[in-house]
Amino acid sequence: MTAPLLLPLATDIGNPTVNIAIFALFVVATLAIVIRASRNNKTAADYYAGGRSFTGPQNGIAIAGDYLSAASFLGIAGAIALNGYDGFLYSIGFLVAWLVALLLVAELLRNTGRFTMADVLSFRLKQRPVRMAAAISTLVVSFFYLLAQMAGAGGLVALLLGIDGRAGQNLVIAVVGLIMITYVLVGGMKGTTWVQIVKAVLLVIGAGIMTIWVLAKYSFNLSGLLGGAVEKSPVGERLLDPGLQYGVSGISKLDFISLGLALVLGTAGLPHVLMRFYTVPNSKEARRSVSWAIWIIGIFYLFTLVLGYGAAALVGPDVIRAAPGRANSAAPLLAFELGGEILLGVISAVAFATILAVVAGLTITASASFAHDIYGQVIKKGQISGDGEVRVARITVLVIGVVAIIGGIFANGQNVAFLVALAFAIAASANLPTILYSLFWRRFNTRGALWSMYGGLGSAIILIAFSPVVSGKVDAKTGASLSMITDTSIDFSWFPLDNPGIVSIPLAFVLGIVGTLTSKEGTDVDRFAEMEVRSLTGAGAEKAVKH
């Protein structure tokens, strides 16, 4: 049976009325949580950092909620269903990345900064240029991450409501953007954190139920499940072997190395994850946050292995490819196969809540960076009240929401796990080298920071713009475009890899060294000593806000 014959099955599943009702229930419930949490938003610390009032376990669950995005649930399940072993490499990369965050970044960042990543990077360097560079980097990384979430939302809701037309999916993306804006404007970081906690619990429970259900279908025999996936897949046993996606040629193997570098090093440079460390009262709770997050995320990624192969075995790759969201539809289609329209509605609503929670976290991070770093410190030179900053942050939320909606419309149809990998590559290139140099290299100076951030950011964006991701990538079997620009006659790509990490990340580290060594700026030994003591001991770090 060919894919076109399966298309109606893939696009008309479940009951749209039931799906909308469950969606509406989730949105109303989470909005109630946001409104309740917003009652205590009195200061800038409340709006940006939730008053630093969350415990390590609470923040760890929220971090998991922030991190387990549409890429983790929809994108990875789809990648495993279609590409088998190579798809699971996303899970491994995302999980291993937390070791870098735990060992090198979390505690030190919490002790040194106040609200944003730029607080740390500018601690002993020239404030205005470094803050500007850090803020621009934060905005760009957040934008690319938002693209992934919006693309996931469009494909998911289009699947549930049977919307095949591009215009209808674009409308869905716009609605998601408006709800996201409401969350952030009303709730700030407190509201966003509680939504992420609720969403993380529901996501892990939902994925756990589906995992047990899938295994039960095969008498809890993993070999039987894998055999079913192989039988249904057009590539047969290659589904279980490395190289189905990244082993076809030398270029694809190089692309995998580039992807792995981006995934493992990207987490410690993601601004919305780093900002979560400021919502706890001290560095001990920051460490506990990461420990909790690692356990929750690790367990969830084991679930994705079963869900991905379960979708391959019970739904089939042809049906998944024919669905509106392509690979992103694998998990919802599996839910429908297992539990009919009710389970489909619940799981999809959880996925929808996942998208809302993550985009809310990204939006508040980007708005805080603009208001606190660019407007408050660069434009106003620190001469602005906390209330004034928050007002600017709220206006910025509206702008970011509109930009995210427009970008999401262009990215609709792309695999969200892949889009997130691009955000990881930019974060690892633009942010991680400067963070590590600032914390550990005494001689590091302003020129080194600027060269590293702008060089890493610029090279990553340029390589992405001229890569097959944007233009010129065509499916060898169907002839359809796999790029963001769907017109196959347009091809201006000259960089052969999908992910730029293998070039842009080492380049950013090298530029940081070269910029530092060629600068005549002296080292502020006292300031570095103060930063070192604060980062290691917490002496002088920002404390919780008491009401």
Protein backbone atom coordinates (compact mmCIF):
# COMPACT_ATOMS: atom_id res chain seq x y z
CA MET A 1 0.00 0.00 0.00
CA THR A 2 1.42 3.37 -0.98
CA ALA A 3 1.67 6.52 1.11
CA PRO A 4 -1.06 8.47 -0.77
CA LEU A 5 -3.59 5.72 -0.01
CA LEU A 6 -2.76 6.01 3.66
CA LEU A 7 -3.06 9.80 3.75
CA PRO A 8 -6.74 9.98 4.85
CA LEU A 9 -6.01 7.64 7.76
CA ALA A 10 -3.10 9.82 8.82
CA THR A 11 -4.91 13.13 8.63
CA ASP A 12 -8.32 12.21 9.96
CA ILE A 13 -7.73 10.43 13.23
CA GLY A 14 -9.60 10.85 16.45
CA ASN A 15 -12.54 13.14 17.11
CA PRO A 16 -11.75 16.84 16.54
CA THR A 17 -14.43 17.86 19.08
CA VAL A 18 -12.89 15.65 21.79
CA ASN A 19 -9.41 16.90 20.91
CA ILE A 20 -10.42 20.57 21.10
CA ALA A 21 -12.27 19.98 24.41
CA ILE A 22 -9.22 18.36 26.02
CA PHE A 23 -6.96 21.09 24.63
CA ALA A 24 -9.24 23.79 26.02
CA LEU A 25 -9.32 22.09 29.43
CA PHE A 26 -5.50 22.04 29.58
CA VAL A 27 -5.21 25.67 28.50
CA VAL A 28 -7.80 26.85 31.03
CA ALA A 29 -6.21 24.83 33.86
CA THR A 30 -2.70 26.12 33.12
CA LEU A 31 -3.94 29.70 32.75
CA ALA A 32 -5.55 29.38 36.19
CA ILE A 33 -2.19 28.26 37.59
CA VAL A 34 -0.45 31.19 35.90
CA ILE A 35 -2.95 33.74 37.25
CA ARG A 36 -2.68 32.34 40.77
CA ALA A 37 1.14 32.41 40.65
CA SER A 38 1.18 35.97 39.30
CA ARG A 39 -0.36 37.41 42.49
CA ASN A 40 3.08 37.52 44.11
CA ASN A 41 4.84 39.25 41.19
CA LYS A 42 5.94 42.46 42.92
CA THR A 43 9.60 42.93 41.98
CA ALA A 44 11.95 42.37 39.05
CA ALA A 45 13.34 39.32 40.88
CA ASP A 46 9.80 37.90 41.03
CA TYR A 47 9.21 38.45 37.32
CA TYR A 48 12.64 37.28 36.09
CA ALA A 49 13.59 34.63 38.68
CA GLY A 50 10.37 33.67 40.49
CA GLY A 51 11.62 35.38 43.66
CA ARG A 52 14.34 32.67 43.89
CA SER A 53 11.75 30.76 45.91
CA PHE A 54 11.79 27.32 44.25
CA THR A 55 13.46 24.29 45.86
CA GLY A 56 15.98 22.12 44.04
CA PRO A 57 13.48 19.31 43.31
CA GLN A 58 10.83 21.81 42.13
CA ASN A 59 13.30 23.56 39.88
CA GLY A 60 14.70 20.23 38.66
CA ILE A 61 11.23 19.17 37.54
CA ALA A 62 10.74 22.58 35.92
CA ILE A 63 14.09 22.27 34.13
CA ALA A 64 12.98 18.88 32.83
CA GLY A 65 9.74 20.52 31.74
CA ASP A 66 11.71 23.25 29.97
CA TYR A 67 14.13 20.80 28.38
CA LEU A 68 11.70 18.03 27.36
CA SER A 69 10.30 20.08 24.54
CA ALA A 70 8.39 19.18 21.39
CA ALA A 71 11.76 17.97 20.08
CA SER A 72 12.08 15.40 22.85
CA PHE A 73 8.56 14.02 22.63
CA LEU A 74 7.46 14.51 19.03
CA GLY A 75 10.73 14.89 17.15
CA ILE A 76 12.77 12.08 18.73
CA ALA A 77 9.91 9.55 18.66
CA GLY A 78 9.49 10.33 14.96
CA ALA A 79 13.23 10.20 14.29
CA ILE A 80 13.48 6.74 15.91
CA ALA A 81 10.38 5.49 14.06
CA LEU A 82 11.82 6.51 10.69
CA ASN A 83 15.60 6.21 11.22
CA GLY A 84 15.87 3.72 14.09
CA TYR A 85 19.22 3.69 15.85
CA ASP A 86 20.33 7.00 14.35
CA GLY A 87 17.19 8.69 15.70
CA PHE A 88 17.97 7.51 19.23
CA LEU A 89 21.33 9.30 19.03
CA TYR A 90 19.39 12.54 19.60
CA SER A 91 18.26 11.19 22.99
CA ILE A 92 21.80 10.21 23.94
CA GLY A 93 23.22 13.59 22.92
CA PHE A 94 20.54 15.57 24.78
CA LEU A 95 21.08 13.50 27.96
CA VAL A 96 24.90 13.44 27.99
CA ALA A 97 24.86 17.22 27.58
CA TRP A 98 23.61 17.56 31.15
CA LEU A 99 26.93 16.30 32.51
CA VAL A 100 28.63 19.37 31.03
CA ALA A 101 25.97 21.61 32.58
CA LEU A 102 26.25 19.90 35.98
CA LEU A 103 30.03 19.72 36.25
CA LEU A 104 31.08 23.00 34.65
CA VAL A 105 28.25 25.52 34.67
CA ALA A 106 25.23 25.18 36.99
CA GLU A 107 26.62 26.00 40.44
CA LEU A 108 29.22 28.53 39.25
CA LEU A 109 26.68 30.40 37.15
CA ARG A 110 24.14 30.55 39.97
CA ASN A 111 26.72 32.01 42.36
CA THR A 112 28.04 34.64 39.94
CA GLY A 113 24.98 36.00 38.12
CA ARG A 114 21.74 37.73 39.00
CA PHE A 115 19.11 37.28 36.30
CA THR A 116 20.73 36.49 32.95
CA MET A 117 23.77 34.85 31.36
CA ALA A 118 25.16 38.32 30.57
CA ASP A 119 25.49 39.05 34.32
CA VAL A 120 28.19 36.37 34.46
CA LEU A 121 29.94 37.21 31.19
CA SER A 122 30.20 40.92 32.02
CA PHE A 123 31.23 40.43 35.67
CA ARG A 124 34.91 41.27 35.10
CA LEU A 125 34.80 42.61 31.52
CA LYS A 126 33.54 45.83 29.96
CA GLN A 127 29.84 45.89 30.74
CA ARG A 128 28.14 47.45 27.73
CA PRO A 129 29.73 45.64 24.73
CA VAL A 130 29.70 42.23 26.46
CA ARG A 131 26.09 42.59 27.63
CA MET A 132 25.04 43.62 24.13
CA ALA A 133 26.76 40.59 22.58
CA ALA A 134 25.30 38.21 25.18
CA ALA A 135 21.80 39.63 24.73
CA ILE A 136 21.96 39.35 20.93
CA SER A 137 23.14 35.74 21.28
CA THR A 138 20.30 34.99 23.72
CA LEU A 139 17.71 36.45 21.35
CA VAL A 140 19.01 34.48 18.35
CA VAL A 141 19.22 31.14 20.20
CA SER A 142 15.73 31.68 21.66
CA PHE A 143 14.39 32.47 18.19
CA PHE A 144 15.74 29.24 16.66
CA TYR A 145 14.38 27.22 19.60
CA LEU A 146 11.01 28.93 19.23
CA LEU A 147 10.96 27.93 15.55
CA ALA A 148 11.10 24.28 16.56
CA GLN A 149 8.27 24.55 19.09
CA MET A 150 6.03 26.48 16.70
CA ALA A 151 6.65 23.95 13.92
CA GLY A 152 5.72 21.15 16.34
CA ALA A 153 2.52 22.94 17.33
CA GLY A 154 1.45 23.44 13.73
CA GLY A 155 1.96 19.80 12.77
CA LEU A 156 0.39 18.43 15.96
CA VAL A 157 -2.84 20.41 15.89
CA ALA A 158 -3.15 20.04 12.11
CA LEU A 159 -3.04 16.26 12.60
CA LEU A 160 -5.72 16.32 15.30
CA LEU A 161 -8.09 18.65 13.49
CA GLY A 162 -7.50 17.18 10.03
CA ILE A 163 -6.05 20.44 8.68
CA ASP A 164 -4.05 19.69 5.54
CA GLY A 165 -3.93 23.25 4.18
CA ARG A 166 -0.97 25.45 4.92
CA ALA A 167 -3.22 28.40 5.83
CA GLY A 168 -5.02 26.42 8.54
CA GLN A 169 -1.73 25.25 10.07
CA ASN A 170 -0.44 28.82 10.03
CA LEU A 171 -3.54 29.91 11.96
CA VAL A 172 -2.81 27.21 14.56
CA ILE A 173 0.73 28.53 14.98
CA ALA A 174 -0.65 32.05 15.49
CA VAL A 175 -3.04 30.83 18.21
CA VAL A 176 -0.18 29.06 20.02
CA GLY A 177 1.81 32.29 19.90
CA LEU A 178 -1.05 34.31 21.40
CA ILE A 179 -1.54 31.84 24.28
CA MET A 180 2.21 31.89 24.94
CA ILE A 181 2.22 35.69 25.10
CA THR A 182 -0.64 35.58 27.62
CA TYR A 183 1.23 33.11 29.86
CA VAL A 184 4.34 35.25 30.05
CA LEU A 185 2.64 38.63 30.36
CA VAL A 186 0.44 37.42 33.21
CA GLY A 187 2.60 34.95 35.10
CA GLY A 188 6.24 35.93 34.63
CA MET A 189 8.80 33.34 35.73
CA LYS A 190 6.68 32.07 38.63
CA GLY A 191 3.71 31.26 36.46
CA THR A 192 5.92 29.80 33.75
CA THR A 193 7.76 27.59 36.26
CA TRP A 194 4.58 26.11 37.69
CA VAL A 195 3.26 25.40 34.20
CA GLN A 196 6.55 23.63 33.42
CA ILE A 197 6.33 21.57 36.63
CA VAL A 198 2.77 20.44 35.87
CA LYS A 199 3.63 19.77 32.24
CA ALA A 200 6.75 17.72 33.11
CA VAL A 201 4.78 15.48 35.49
CA LEU A 202 2.01 14.94 32.93
CA LEU A 203 4.49 14.32 30.10
CA VAL A 204 6.49 11.68 32.00
CA ILE A 205 3.31 9.95 33.23
CA GLY A 206 1.77 10.02 29.74
CA ALA A 207 4.92 8.71 28.06
CA GLY A 208 5.28 6.07 30.80
CA ILE A 209 1.72 4.80 30.27
CA MET A 210 2.27 4.59 26.52
CA THR A 211 5.61 2.80 27.02
CA ILE A 212 4.05 0.14 29.26
CA TRP A 213 1.13 -0.21 26.82
CA VAL A 214 3.46 -0.75 23.86
CA LEU A 215 5.57 -3.29 25.74
CA ALA A 216 2.41 -5.09 26.88
CA LYS A 217 1.44 -5.53 23.21
CA TYR A 218 4.62 -7.59 22.85
CA SER A 219 4.40 -9.38 26.22
CA PHE A 220 7.10 -7.04 27.61
CA ASN A 221 9.56 -8.56 25.17
CA LEU A 222 11.76 -5.81 23.72
CA SER A 223 13.08 -8.16 21.04
CA GLY A 224 9.52 -8.79 19.89
CA LEU A 225 8.91 -5.04 19.65
CA LEU A 226 12.08 -4.50 17.62
CA GLY A 227 11.13 -7.42 15.37
CA GLY A 228 7.73 -5.84 14.77
CA ALA A 229 9.37 -2.54 13.85
CA VAL A 230 11.75 -4.27 11.42
CA GLU A 231 8.85 -6.17 9.81
CA LYS A 232 6.84 -2.97 9.22
CA SER A 233 9.76 -0.81 8.05
CA PRO A 234 10.62 -0.64 4.34
CA VAL A 235 14.34 -0.71 5.24
CA GLY A 236 14.05 -3.93 7.23
CA GLU A 237 16.83 -4.77 9.66
CA ARG A 238 18.75 -1.62 8.77
CA LEU A 239 16.35 0.11 11.19
CA LEU A 240 18.33 -1.45 14.07
CA ASP A 241 21.78 -0.71 12.68
CA PRO A 242 23.83 2.50 12.89
CA GLY A 243 24.11 4.53 9.70
CA LEU A 244 20.57 4.58 8.29
CA GLN A 245 20.52 8.40 8.41
CA TYR A 246 24.13 9.34 9.06
CA GLY A 247 26.11 6.54 7.42
CA VAL A 248 25.22 6.83 3.75
CA SER A 249 28.31 8.84 2.81
CA GLY A 250 31.36 10.55 4.25
CA ILE A 251 29.45 13.84 4.40
CA SER A 252 26.60 12.30 6.41
CA LYS A 253 29.07 10.78 8.90
CA LEU A 254 30.70 14.18 9.29
CA ASP A 255 27.24 15.66 9.77
CA PHE A 256 26.63 13.22 12.61
CA ILE A 257 29.84 14.26 14.37
CA SER A 258 28.77 17.87 13.95
CA LEU A 259 25.32 17.09 15.38
CA GLY A 260 26.84 15.23 18.34
CA LEU A 261 29.12 18.15 19.18
CA ALA A 262 26.18 20.55 19.08
CA LEU A 263 23.96 18.38 21.27
CA VAL A 264 26.57 17.58 23.94
CA LEU A 265 27.96 21.12 24.24
CA GLY A 266 24.79 23.08 23.50
CA THR A 267 22.83 22.58 26.73
CA ALA A 268 25.37 24.42 28.88
CA GLY A 269 24.96 27.43 26.58
CA LEU A 270 21.16 27.53 26.31
CA PRO A 271 20.00 30.83 27.86
CA HIS A 272 16.55 29.59 28.94
CA VAL A 273 18.11 26.62 30.76
CA LEU A 274 20.82 28.77 32.37
CA MET A 275 18.20 31.27 33.56
CA ARG A 276 16.44 28.53 35.50
CA PHE A 277 19.41 28.31 37.89
CA TYR A 278 18.51 31.77 39.23
CA THR A 279 15.09 30.64 40.48
CA VAL A 280 16.61 28.74 43.45
CA PRO A 281 17.86 30.39 46.66
CA ASN A 282 21.48 29.11 46.55
CA SER A 283 24.06 27.04 44.69
CA LYS A 284 23.29 23.86 46.65
CA GLU A 285 19.74 23.94 45.33
CA ALA A 286 21.10 24.64 41.82
CA ARG A 287 23.11 21.40 42.04
CA ARG A 288 20.07 19.51 43.30
CA SER A 289 18.07 20.97 40.42
CA VAL A 290 20.41 19.46 37.85
CA SER A 291 20.50 16.09 39.62
CA TRP A 292 16.71 15.87 39.61
CA ALA A 293 16.57 17.02 36.00
CA ILE A 294 19.09 14.38 34.86
CA TRP A 295 17.08 11.53 36.43
CA ILE A 296 13.76 12.69 34.99
CA ILE A 297 15.20 13.42 31.55
CA GLY A 298 17.12 10.12 31.48
CA ILE A 299 14.03 8.06 32.30
CA PHE A 300 12.00 9.94 29.72
CA TYR A 301 14.55 9.31 26.96
CA LEU A 302 14.40 5.59 27.68
CA PHE A 303 10.65 5.88 27.10
CA THR A 304 11.28 7.51 23.70
CA LEU A 305 13.20 4.42 22.56
CA VAL A 306 10.12 2.25 23.12
CA LEU A 307 7.74 4.90 21.74
CA GLY A 308 9.78 5.38 18.57
CA TYR A 309 10.10 1.69 17.74
CA GLY A 310 6.50 1.20 18.90
CA ALA A 311 5.33 3.78 16.36
CA ALA A 312 7.38 2.03 13.67
CA ALA A 313 5.86 -1.36 14.55
CA LEU A 314 2.23 -0.41 15.24
CA VAL A 315 1.70 2.61 12.95
CA GLY A 316 4.31 2.18 10.24
CA PRO A 317 6.76 4.63 8.62
CA ASP A 318 4.56 5.17 5.54
CA VAL A 319 1.62 6.42 7.62
CA ILE A 320 3.91 8.66 9.67
CA ARG A 321 5.49 10.21 6.57
CA ALA A 322 2.04 10.87 5.10
CA ALA A 323 0.76 12.75 8.17
CA PRO A 324 0.71 16.60 8.15
CA GLY A 325 3.51 16.88 10.69
CA ARG A 326 5.57 14.07 9.12
CA ALA A 327 7.91 12.59 11.75
CA ASN A 328 6.45 14.87 14.44
CA SER A 329 3.15 12.96 14.20
CA ALA A 330 4.58 9.57 15.25
CA ALA A 331 3.75 9.83 18.98
CA PRO A 332 0.13 11.08 18.50
CA LEU A 333 -0.50 8.41 15.84
CA LEU A 334 0.84 5.76 18.24
CA ALA A 335 -1.46 7.06 20.99
CA PHE A 336 -4.45 6.71 18.65
CA GLU A 337 -3.39 3.20 17.69
CA LEU A 338 -3.16 2.20 21.36
CA GLY A 339 -6.05 3.94 23.09
CA GLY A 340 -8.24 5.49 20.44
CA GLU A 341 -9.44 9.08 20.42
CA ILE A 342 -9.36 9.60 24.21
CA LEU A 343 -5.68 8.64 24.63
CA LEU A 344 -4.88 10.57 21.45
CA GLY A 345 -6.58 13.66 22.87
CA VAL A 346 -4.85 13.38 26.24
CA ILE A 347 -1.36 12.69 24.84
CA SER A 348 -1.70 15.42 22.24
CA ALA A 349 -2.92 17.87 24.87
CA VAL A 350 0.15 17.00 26.95
CA ALA A 351 2.32 17.59 23.88
CA PHE A 352 0.51 20.88 23.31
CA ALA A 353 1.08 21.86 26.96
CA THR A 354 4.73 20.89 26.43
CA ILE A 355 5.02 23.34 23.56
CA LEU A 356 3.25 26.12 25.47
CA ALA A 357 5.45 25.68 28.55
CA VAL A 358 8.68 25.67 26.56
CA VAL A 359 7.81 28.67 24.40
CA ALA A 360 6.78 30.57 27.53
CA GLY A 361 10.18 29.83 29.11
CA LEU A 362 12.00 30.88 25.95
CA THR A 363 9.99 34.07 25.64
CA ILE A 364 10.56 35.21 29.21
CA THR A 365 14.29 34.52 28.81
CA ALA A 366 14.54 36.52 25.60
CA SER A 367 12.45 39.41 26.98
CA ALA A 368 14.46 39.49 30.23
CA SER A 369 17.71 39.58 28.27
CA PHE A 370 16.55 42.54 26.17
CA ALA A 371 15.02 44.47 29.09
CA HIS A 372 17.73 43.76 31.68
CA ASP A 373 20.85 43.72 29.50
CA ILE A 374 20.21 45.88 26.43
CA TYR A 375 17.68 48.40 27.73
CA GLY A 376 18.55 48.48 31.43
CA GLN A 377 22.35 48.23 31.30
CA VAL A 378 23.38 49.38 27.80
CA ILE A 379 20.80 52.02 26.89
CA LYS A 380 19.92 53.30 30.38
CA LYS A 381 23.39 52.48 31.85
CA GLY A 382 21.81 50.92 34.94
CA GLN A 383 19.77 54.04 35.74
CA ILE A 384 16.36 52.36 35.67
CA SER A 385 14.10 50.86 38.31
CA GLY A 386 13.13 47.19 38.44
CA ASP A 387 9.54 48.14 37.56
CA GLY A 388 10.77 50.03 34.52
CA GLU A 389 12.71 46.98 33.33
CA VAL A 390 9.69 44.73 33.78
CA ARG A 391 7.52 47.10 31.73
CA VAL A 392 10.03 46.95 28.88
CA ALA A 393 10.21 43.15 29.24
CA ARG A 394 6.43 42.90 28.84
CA ILE A 395 6.51 44.99 25.65
CA THR A 396 9.36 42.83 24.35
CA VAL A 397 7.23 39.72 24.93
CA LEU A 398 4.70 41.01 22.40
CA VAL A 399 7.40 41.62 19.77
CA ILE A 400 9.04 38.23 20.32
CA GLY A 401 5.65 36.54 20.09
CA VAL A 402 4.94 38.07 16.69
CA VAL A 403 8.43 37.18 15.38
CA ALA A 404 8.06 33.61 16.67
CA ILE A 405 4.71 33.20 14.92
CA ILE A 406 6.14 34.41 11.58
CA GLY A 407 9.24 32.19 11.94
CA GLY A 408 7.13 29.18 12.96
CA ILE A 409 5.05 29.53 9.80
CA PHE A 410 8.22 29.28 7.67
CA ALA A 411 9.57 26.32 9.67
CA ASN A 412 6.30 24.36 9.62
CA GLY A 413 6.86 20.77 8.47
CA GLN A 414 10.50 20.47 9.59
CA ASN A 415 11.46 17.79 12.15
CA VAL A 416 11.48 19.63 15.46
CA ALA A 417 14.33 17.58 16.94
CA PHE A 418 16.46 18.68 14.02
CA LEU A 419 15.49 22.36 14.39
CA VAL A 420 16.37 22.25 18.09
CA ALA A 421 19.76 20.79 17.17
CA LEU A 422 20.42 23.99 15.19
CA ALA A 423 19.62 26.06 18.30
CA PHE A 424 22.04 23.87 20.27
CA ALA A 425 24.77 24.47 17.68
CA ILE A 426 24.32 28.25 17.92
CA ALA A 427 24.27 28.14 21.76
CA ALA A 428 27.41 26.00 21.87
CA SER A 429 29.18 28.30 19.40
CA ALA A 430 28.13 31.70 20.73
CA ASN A 431 27.82 31.13 24.50
CA LEU A 432 29.70 28.14 25.88
CA PRO A 433 33.29 29.20 25.01
CA THR A 434 32.78 32.64 26.59
CA ILE A 435 31.12 31.17 29.69
CA LEU A 436 33.99 28.73 30.26
CA TYR A 437 36.71 31.30 29.54
CA SER A 438 35.03 33.84 31.85
CA LEU A 439 34.82 31.38 34.72
CA PHE A 440 38.19 29.63 34.39
CA TRP A 441 40.72 31.74 32.40
CA ARG A 442 42.26 34.61 34.35
CA ARG A 443 43.68 36.41 31.30
CA PHE A 444 40.41 36.38 29.31
CA ASN A 445 39.32 39.88 28.32
CA THR A 446 36.64 41.86 26.53
CA ARG A 447 38.01 41.47 22.99
CA GLY A 448 38.24 37.71 23.47
CA ALA A 449 34.62 37.60 24.64
CA LEU A 450 33.35 39.69 21.73
CA TRP A 451 35.34 37.79 19.10
CA SER A 452 34.19 34.46 20.54
CA MET A 453 30.49 35.40 20.83
CA TYR A 454 30.09 37.29 17.56
CA GLY A 455 32.39 34.91 15.68
CA GLY A 456 30.61 31.79 16.95
CA LEU A 457 27.17 33.30 16.44
CA GLY A 458 27.91 34.74 13.01
CA SER A 459 29.63 31.63 11.65
CA ALA A 460 26.85 29.34 12.87
CA ILE A 461 24.10 31.48 11.33
CA ILE A 462 25.94 31.96 8.01
CA LEU A 463 26.65 28.23 7.68
CA ILE A 464 23.01 27.39 8.47
CA ALA A 465 21.73 29.96 5.96
CA PHE A 466 23.86 28.42 3.19
CA SER A 467 23.28 24.80 4.20
CA PRO A 468 20.81 22.22 2.82
CA VAL A 469 18.56 23.02 5.79
CA VAL A 470 17.43 26.25 4.11
CA SER A 471 17.58 25.33 0.41
CA GLY A 472 18.46 22.58 -2.04
CA LYS A 473 17.71 19.43 -0.01
CA VAL A 474 15.47 17.02 -1.94
CA ASP A 475 14.04 13.61 -1.00
CA ALA A 476 15.68 11.16 -3.40
CA LYS A 477 12.56 8.96 -3.55
CA THR A 478 9.74 11.49 -3.86
CA GLY A 479 11.56 14.53 -5.24
CA ALA A 480 9.92 16.68 -2.55
CA SER A 481 11.86 19.47 -0.87
CA LEU A 482 13.20 18.76 2.63
CA SER A 483 14.43 22.34 3.11
CA MET A 484 12.72 25.36 4.67
CA ILE A 485 12.41 26.85 1.17
CA THR A 486 10.07 24.35 -0.46
CA ASP A 487 10.69 25.46 -4.05
CA THR A 488 13.15 22.83 -5.33
CA SER A 489 14.37 25.17 -8.09
CA ILE A 490 15.89 27.49 -5.46
CA ASP A 491 19.25 26.26 -4.24
CA PHE A 492 21.92 28.58 -2.84
CA SER A 493 23.53 26.12 -0.43
CA TRP A 494 27.31 25.71 -0.54
CA PHE A 495 27.98 24.37 2.98
CA PRO A 496 27.46 20.59 2.73
CA LEU A 497 26.49 19.81 6.36
CA ASP A 498 23.06 20.23 7.96
CA ASN A 499 24.53 21.18 11.33
CA PRO A 500 27.39 23.74 11.56
CA GLY A 501 28.71 22.68 14.99
CA ILE A 502 31.88 20.95 13.80
CA VAL A 503 33.09 24.25 12.28
CA SER A 504 31.49 27.01 14.37
CA ILE A 505 32.16 25.58 17.88
CA PRO A 506 35.96 25.10 17.53
CA LEU A 507 36.13 28.43 15.66
CA ALA A 508 34.49 30.23 18.61
CA PHE A 509 36.98 28.70 21.08
CA VAL A 510 39.91 29.70 18.85
CA LEU A 511 38.58 33.24 18.34
CA GLY A 512 38.28 33.67 22.11
CA ILE A 513 41.96 32.81 22.50
CA VAL A 514 43.16 34.91 19.55
CA GLY A 515 41.06 37.91 20.59
CA THR A 516 42.39 37.76 24.13
CA LEU A 517 46.05 37.34 23.18
CA THR A 518 45.98 40.18 20.62
CA SER A 519 44.35 42.67 23.00
CA LYS A 520 46.31 45.16 25.10
CA GLU A 521 43.57 45.23 27.75
CA GLY A 522 45.02 44.35 31.14
CA THR A 523 43.64 41.67 33.42
CA ASP A 524 41.68 42.86 36.45
CA VAL A 525 43.22 40.38 38.88
CA ASP A 526 41.14 41.53 41.84
CA ARG A 527 37.89 41.24 39.90
CA PHE A 528 38.79 37.75 38.71
CA ALA A 529 39.68 36.72 42.27
CA GLU A 530 36.32 38.05 43.48
CA MET A 531 34.52 36.16 40.72
CA GLU A 532 36.42 32.97 41.51
CA VAL A 533 35.61 33.15 45.22
CA ARG A 534 31.95 33.95 44.56
CA SER A 535 31.54 31.22 41.94
CA LEU A 536 33.10 28.52 44.16
CA THR A 537 31.71 29.51 47.56
CA GLY A 538 28.55 31.51 46.87
CA ALA A 539 29.83 34.42 48.99
CA GLY A 540 28.05 37.56 47.82
CA ALA A 541 25.69 35.67 45.49
CA GLU A 542 22.09 36.81 45.01
CA LYS A 543 19.80 35.38 47.68
CA ALA A 544 16.11 34.57 47.71
CA VAL A 545 13.72 37.49 47.87
CA LYS A 546 11.67 37.60 51.06
CA HIS A 547 8.15 38.98 50.99
